[in-house]
PDB file of N, CA and C in Angstrom:
ATOM      1  N   UNK A   1      84.552  90.668 111.921  1.00  0.00           N
ATOM      2  CA  UNK A   1      84.844  89.200 112.429  1.00  0.00           C
ATOM      3  C   UNK A   1      86.596  89.476 112.841  1.00  0.00           C
ATOM      4  N   UNK A   2      87.003  89.169 111.561  1.00  0.00           N
ATOM      5  CA  UNK A   2      88.670  89.685 111.700  1.00  0.00           C
ATOM      6  C   UNK A   2      89.199  90.723 112.366  1.00  0.00           C
ATOM      7  N   UNK A   3      88.252  92.077 111.867  1.00  0.00           N
ATOM      8  CA  UNK A   3      88.701  93.353 112.264  1.00  0.00           C
ATOM      9  C   UNK A   3      88.568  93.836 113.758  1.00  0.00           C
ATOM     10  N   UNK A   4      87.517  92.751 114.706  1.00  0.00           N
ATOM     11  CA  UNK A   4      87.511  93.107 115.937  1.00  0.00           C
ATOM     12  C   UNK A   4      88.824  92.544 116.816  1.00  0.00           C
ATOM     13  N   UNK A   5      89.471  91.691 116.229  1.00  0.00           N
ATOM     14  CA  UNK A   5      90.774  91.318 116.885  1.00  0.00           C
ATOM     15  C   UNK A   5      91.772  92.667 116.562  1.00  0.00           C
ATOM     16  N   UNK A   6      92.296  93.348 117.924  1.00  0.00           N
ATOM     17  CA  UNK A   6      92.999  94.544 117.412  1.00  0.00           C
ATOM     18  C   UNK A   6      94.381  94.289 117.380  1.00  0.00           C
ATOM     19  N   UNK A   7      94.738  95.035 116.305  1.00  0.00           N
ATOM     20  CA  UNK A   7      96.289  95.732 116.388  1.00  0.00           C
ATOM     21  C   UNK A   7      96.396  97.132 115.891  1.00  0.00           C
ATOM     22  N   UNK A   8      97.473  97.737 115.953  1.00  0.00           N
ATOM     23  CA  UNK A   8      97.082  98.987 115.850  1.00  0.00           C
ATOM     24  C   UNK A   8      96.812  99.341 114.288  1.00  0.00           C
ATOM     25  N   UNK A   9      97.607  98.587 113.578  1.00  0.00           N
ATOM     26  CA  UNK A   9      97.378  98.372 111.643  1.00  0.00           C
ATOM     27  C   UNK A   9      96.058  97.982 111.372  1.00  0.00           C
ATOM     28  N   UNK A  10      95.699  97.119 112.067  1.00  0.00           N
ATOM     29  CA  UNK A  10      94.005  96.944 111.879  1.00  0.00           C
ATOM     30  C   UNK A  10      93.204  98.223 111.763  1.00  0.00           C
ATOM     31  N   UNK A  11      93.597  99.252 112.871  1.00  0.00           N
ATOM     32  CA  UNK A  11      92.468  99.810 113.145  1.00  0.00           C
ATOM     33  C   UNK A  11      92.941 101.143 112.458  1.00  0.00           C
ATOM     34  N   UNK A  12      94.161 101.190 111.509  1.00  0.00           N
ATOM     35  CA  UNK A  12      94.151 101.905 110.701  1.00  0.00           C
ATOM     36  C   UNK A  12      94.064 101.827 109.334  1.00  0.00           C
ATOM     37  N   UNK A  13      92.941 100.574 109.280  1.00  0.00           N
ATOM     38  CA  UNK A  13      92.459 100.607 107.659  1.00  0.00           C
ATOM     39  C   UNK A  13      91.484 101.637 107.498  1.00  0.00           C
ATOM     40  N   UNK A  14      91.382 102.035 106.426  1.00  0.00           N
ATOM     41  CA  UNK A  14      90.373 103.015 106.154  1.00  0.00           C
ATOM     42  C   UNK A  14      88.850 102.327 105.962  1.00  0.00           C
ATOM     43  N   UNK A  15      87.987 102.976 106.458  1.00  0.00           N
ATOM     44  CA  UNK A  15      86.709 102.827 106.120  1.00  0.00           C
ATOM     45  C   UNK A  15      85.876 103.891 105.835  1.00  0.00           C
ATOM     46  N   UNK A  16      86.826 105.162 105.613  1.00  0.00           N
ATOM     47  CA  UNK A  16      85.822 106.106 104.633  1.00  0.00           C
ATOM     48  C   UNK A  16      86.234 106.511 103.382  1.00  0.00           C
ATOM     49  N   UNK A  17      87.712 105.872 102.830  1.00  0.00           N
ATOM     50  CA  UNK A  17      88.574 106.439 101.892  1.00  0.00           C
ATOM     51  C   UNK A  17      87.966 104.796 100.768  1.00  0.00           C
ATOM     52  N   UNK A  18      87.260 105.450  99.609  1.00  0.00           N
ATOM     53  CA  UNK A  18      86.785 104.029  98.664  1.00  0.00           C
ATOM     54  C   UNK A  18      87.549 104.216  97.060  1.00  0.00           C
ATOM     55  N   UNK A  19      88.268 103.176  96.945  1.00  0.00           N
ATOM     56  CA  UNK A  19      88.840 103.313  95.834  1.00  0.00           C
ATOM     57  C   UNK A  19      88.187 101.957  94.976  1.00  0.00           C
ATOM     58  N   UNK A  20      88.550 102.237  93.432  1.00  0.00           N
ATOM     59  CA  UNK A  20      87.806 101.461  92.620  1.00  0.00           C
ATOM     60  C   UNK A  20      88.812 100.092  92.214  1.00  0.00           C
ATOM     61  N   UNK A  21      87.922  98.586  92.952  1.00  0.00           N
ATOM     62  CA  UNK A  21      88.688  97.615  92.691  1.00  0.00           C
ATOM     63  C   UNK A  21      88.670  96.645  91.715  1.00  0.00           C
ATOM     64  N   UNK A  22      89.331  96.621  90.702  1.00  0.00           N
ATOM     65  CA  UNK A  22      88.994  95.724  89.107  1.00  0.00           C
ATOM     66  C   UNK A  22      88.407  94.347  89.673  1.00  0.00           C
ATOM     67  N   UNK A  23      89.116  93.923  91.111  1.00  0.00           N
ATOM     68  CA  UNK A  23      88.446  92.422  91.217  1.00  0.00           C
ATOM     69  C   UNK A  23      86.823  92.346  91.276  1.00  0.00           C
ATOM     70  N   UNK A  24      86.475  93.489  92.077  1.00  0.00           N
ATOM     71  CA  UNK A  24      85.108  93.669  92.629  1.00  0.00           C
ATOM     72  C   UNK A  24      84.276  94.504  91.590  1.00  0.00           C
ATOM     73  N   UNK A  25      84.821  95.304  91.366  1.00  0.00           N
ATOM     74  CA  UNK A  25      84.157  95.928  89.637  1.00  0.00           C
ATOM     75  C   UNK A  25      83.567  97.183  90.166  1.00  0.00           C
ATOM     76  N   UNK A  26      83.531  97.627  91.800  1.00  0.00           N
ATOM     77  CA  UNK A  26      83.307  98.942  91.955  1.00  0.00           C
ATOM     78  C   UNK A  26      83.927  99.594  93.251  1.00  0.00           C
ATOM     79  N   UNK A  27      83.620 100.434  93.907  1.00  0.00           N
ATOM     80  CA  UNK A  27      84.397 101.153  94.552  1.00  0.00           C
ATOM     81  C   UNK A  27      84.394 100.442  96.157  1.00  0.00           C
ATOM     82  N   UNK A  28      85.129 100.218  97.011  1.00  0.00           N
ATOM     83  CA  UNK A  28      85.228  99.564  97.914  1.00  0.00           C
ATOM     84  C   UNK A  28      86.272 100.562  98.866  1.00  0.00           C
ATOM     85  N   UNK A  29      86.164 100.200 100.244  1.00  0.00           N
ATOM     86  CA  UNK A  29      87.279 100.168 101.193  1.00  0.00           C
ATOM     87  C   UNK A  29      88.286  99.134 101.548  1.00  0.00           C
ATOM     88  N   UNK A  30      89.323  99.355 101.826  1.00  0.00           N
ATOM     89  CA  UNK A  30      90.144  98.608 102.316  1.00  0.00           C
ATOM     90  C   UNK A  30      89.708  97.455 103.414  1.00  0.00           C
ATOM     91  N   UNK A  31      89.028  98.107 104.652  1.00  0.00           N
ATOM     92  CA  UNK A  31      88.502  97.620 105.332  1.00  0.00           C
ATOM     93  C   UNK A  31      87.693  96.572 105.007  1.00  0.00           C
ATOM     94  N   UNK A  32      86.430  96.949 103.854  1.00  0.00           N
ATOM     95  CA  UNK A  32      85.250  95.882 103.323  1.00  0.00           C
ATOM     96  C   UNK A  32      86.251  94.590 103.141  1.00  0.00           C
ATOM     97  N   UNK A  33      87.287  94.930 102.292  1.00  0.00           N
ATOM     98  CA  UNK A  33      87.793  93.741 101.312  1.00  0.00           C
ATOM     99  C   UNK A  33      88.671  93.107 102.300  1.00  0.00           C
ATOM    100  N   UNK A  34      89.278  93.536 103.004  1.00  0.00           N
ATOM    101  CA  UNK A  34      89.970  92.379 104.450  1.00  0.00           C
ATOM    102  C   UNK A  34      88.835  91.650 105.009  1.00  0.00           C
ATOM    103  N   UNK A  35      87.858  92.171 105.283  1.00  0.00           N
ATOM    104  CA  UNK A  35      86.636  91.867 106.169  1.00  0.00           C
ATOM    105  C   UNK A  35      85.737  90.801 105.195  1.00  0.00           C
ATOM    106  N   UNK A  36      85.832  91.022 103.565  1.00  0.00           N
ATOM    107  CA  UNK A  36      85.204  90.053 103.377  1.00  0.00           C
ATOM    108  C   UNK A  36      86.401  88.829 102.876  1.00  0.00           C
ATOM    109  N   UNK A  37      87.040  89.158 102.763  1.00  0.00           N
ATOM    110  CA  UNK A  37      88.246  87.920 102.350  1.00  0.00           C
ATOM    111  C   UNK A  37      88.461  87.282 103.853  1.00  0.00           C
ATOM    112  N   UNK A  38      88.436  87.825 104.793  1.00  0.00           N
ATOM    113  CA  UNK A  38      88.346  86.774 106.300  1.00  0.00           C
ATOM    114  C   UNK A  38      87.292  86.017 106.137  1.00  0.00           C
ATOM    115  N   UNK A  39      85.922  86.386 105.782  1.00  0.00           N
ATOM    116  CA  UNK A  39      85.026  85.487 106.011  1.00  0.00           C
ATOM    117  C   UNK A  39      85.103  84.349 105.024  1.00  0.00           C
ATOM    118  N   UNK A  40      85.531  84.427 104.101  1.00  0.00           N
ATOM    119  CA  UNK A  40      85.622  83.140 103.020  1.00  0.00           C
ATOM    120  C   UNK A  40      86.318  81.847 103.543  1.00  0.00           C
ATOM    121  N   UNK A  41      87.633  82.425 104.341  1.00  0.00           N
ATOM    122  CA  UNK A  41      88.651  81.289 104.779  1.00  0.00           C
ATOM    123  C   UNK A  41      88.753  81.270 106.027  1.00  0.00           C
ATOM    124  N   UNK A  42      89.451  80.715 106.712  1.00  0.00           N
ATOM    125  CA  UNK A  42      89.902  80.608 108.018  1.00  0.00           C
ATOM    126  C   UNK A  42      91.503  81.083 107.798  1.00  0.00           C
ATOM    127  N   UNK A  43      92.147  80.245 106.844  1.00  0.00           N
ATOM    128  CA  UNK A  43      93.636  80.602 106.839  1.00  0.00           C
ATOM    129  C   UNK A  43      93.953  81.826 106.239  1.00  0.00           C
ATOM    130  N   UNK A  44      93.040  82.529 105.623  1.00  0.00           N
ATOM    131  CA  UNK A  44      93.016  84.064 105.681  1.00  0.00           C
ATOM    132  C   UNK A  44      93.291  84.450 106.626  1.00  0.00           C
ATOM    133  N   UNK A  45      92.454  84.512 107.871  1.00  0.00           N
ATOM    134  CA  UNK A  45      92.452  85.202 108.665  1.00  0.00           C
ATOM    135  C   UNK A  45      93.839  84.667 109.917  1.00  0.00           C
ATOM    136  N   UNK A  46      94.193  83.541 109.519  1.00  0.00           N
ATOM    137  CA  UNK A  46      95.683  83.161 110.456  1.00  0.00           C
ATOM    138  C   UNK A  46      96.928  83.800 109.566  1.00  0.00           C
ATOM    139  N   UNK A  47      96.923  84.062 108.379  1.00  0.00           N
ATOM    140  CA  UNK A  47      97.788  84.445 107.464  1.00  0.00           C
ATOM    141  C   UNK A  47      97.866  86.196 107.878  1.00  0.00           C
ATOM    142  N   UNK A  48      96.701  86.936 107.869  1.00  0.00           N
ATOM    143  CA  UNK A  48      96.457  88.019 107.825  1.00  0.00           C
ATOM    144  C   UNK A  48      97.150  88.538 109.162  1.00  0.00           C
ATOM    145  N   UNK A  49      96.599  87.614 110.652  1.00  0.00           N
ATOM    146  CA  UNK A  49      96.671  88.274 111.710  1.00  0.00           C
ATOM    147  C   UNK A  49      98.414  87.602 111.845  1.00  0.00           C
ATOM    148  N   UNK A  50      99.017  86.873 111.461  1.00  0.00           N
ATOM    149  CA  UNK A  50     100.840  86.531 111.437  1.00  0.00           C
ATOM    150  C   UNK A  50     101.294  87.758 110.513  1.00  0.00           C
ATOM    151  N   UNK A  51     100.630  88.449 109.329  1.00  0.00           N
ATOM    152  CA  UNK A  51     101.221  89.769 108.806  1.00  0.00           C
ATOM    153  C   UNK A  51     101.344  90.463 109.717  1.00  0.00           C
ATOM    154  N   UNK A  52     100.632  90.882 110.482  1.00  0.00           N
ATOM    155  CA  UNK A  52     100.283  91.596 111.140  1.00  0.00           C
ATOM    156  C   UNK A  52     101.401  91.809 112.697  1.00  0.00           C
ATOM    157  N   UNK A  53     101.126  90.584 113.047  1.00  0.00           N
ATOM    158  CA  UNK A  53     102.285  90.518 114.010  1.00  0.00           C
ATOM    159  C   UNK A  53     103.684  90.572 113.393  1.00  0.00           C
ATOM    160  N   UNK A  54     104.122  90.707 112.452  1.00  0.00           N
ATOM    161  CA  UNK A  54     105.461  90.737 111.616  1.00  0.00           C
ATOM    162  C   UNK A  54     105.689  92.276 111.430  1.00  0.00           C
ATOM    163  N   UNK A  55     104.684  92.800 111.310  1.00  0.00           N
ATOM    164  CA  UNK A  55     104.794  94.577 110.977  1.00  0.00           C
ATOM    165  C   UNK A  55     104.980  94.802 112.237  1.00  0.00           C
ATOM    166  N   UNK A  56     104.399  94.646 113.322  1.00  0.00           N
ATOM    167  CA  UNK A  56     104.011  95.340 114.782  1.00  0.00           C
ATOM    168  C   UNK A  56     105.919  95.114 115.227  1.00  0.00           C
ATOM    169  N   UNK A  57     106.492  93.248 115.065  1.00  0.00           N
ATOM    170  CA  UNK A  57     107.379  93.029 115.601  1.00  0.00           C
ATOM    171  C   UNK A  57     108.381  94.232 114.702  1.00  0.00           C
ATOM    172  N   UNK A  58     108.437  94.214 113.789  1.00  0.00           N
ATOM    173  CA  UNK A  58     109.692  95.029 112.636  1.00  0.00           C
ATOM    174  C   UNK A  58     109.277  96.339 113.228  1.00  0.00           C
ATOM    175  N   UNK A  59     108.298  96.991 113.165  1.00  0.00           N
ATOM    176  CA  UNK A  59     108.264  98.433 113.746  1.00  0.00           C
ATOM    177  C   UNK A  59     108.784  98.658 114.986  1.00  0.00           C
ATOM    178  N   UNK A  60     108.583  97.415 115.630  1.00  0.00           N
ATOM    179  CA  UNK A  60     109.536  98.192 117.174  1.00  0.00           C
ATOM    180  C   UNK A  60     110.810  97.586 117.314  1.00  0.00           C
ATOM    181  N   UNK A  61     111.008  96.458 116.228  1.00  0.00           N
ATOM    182  CA  UNK A  61     112.252  96.077 116.340  1.00  0.00           C
ATOM    183  C   UNK A  61     112.652  95.189 117.397  1.00  0.00           C
ATOM    184  N   UNK A  62     111.488  94.190 117.997  1.00  0.00           N
ATOM    185  CA  UNK A  62     111.365  93.345 118.346  1.00  0.00           C
ATOM    186  C   UNK A  62     111.015  91.705 117.745  1.00  0.00           C
ATOM    187  N   UNK A  63     111.925  91.203 117.494  1.00  0.00           N
ATOM    188  CA  UNK A  63     111.929  89.847 116.570  1.00  0.00           C
ATOM    189  C   UNK A  63     112.979  89.040 117.077  1.00  0.00           C
TER     190      UNK A  63
END
């Protein structure tokens, strides 16, 4: 859902590197965690997209 809307940083989320997450108590990728949280609430999607836009703006000195 969220990850289909594209910026470069979202594309860089790992879907192959698994890490133990104490919150979920098992191995997960960052891609799965972000997708799970995005499906919980629309406000998370809006916040995440804003953060991604800020990252791109700062990286390109376009603010």
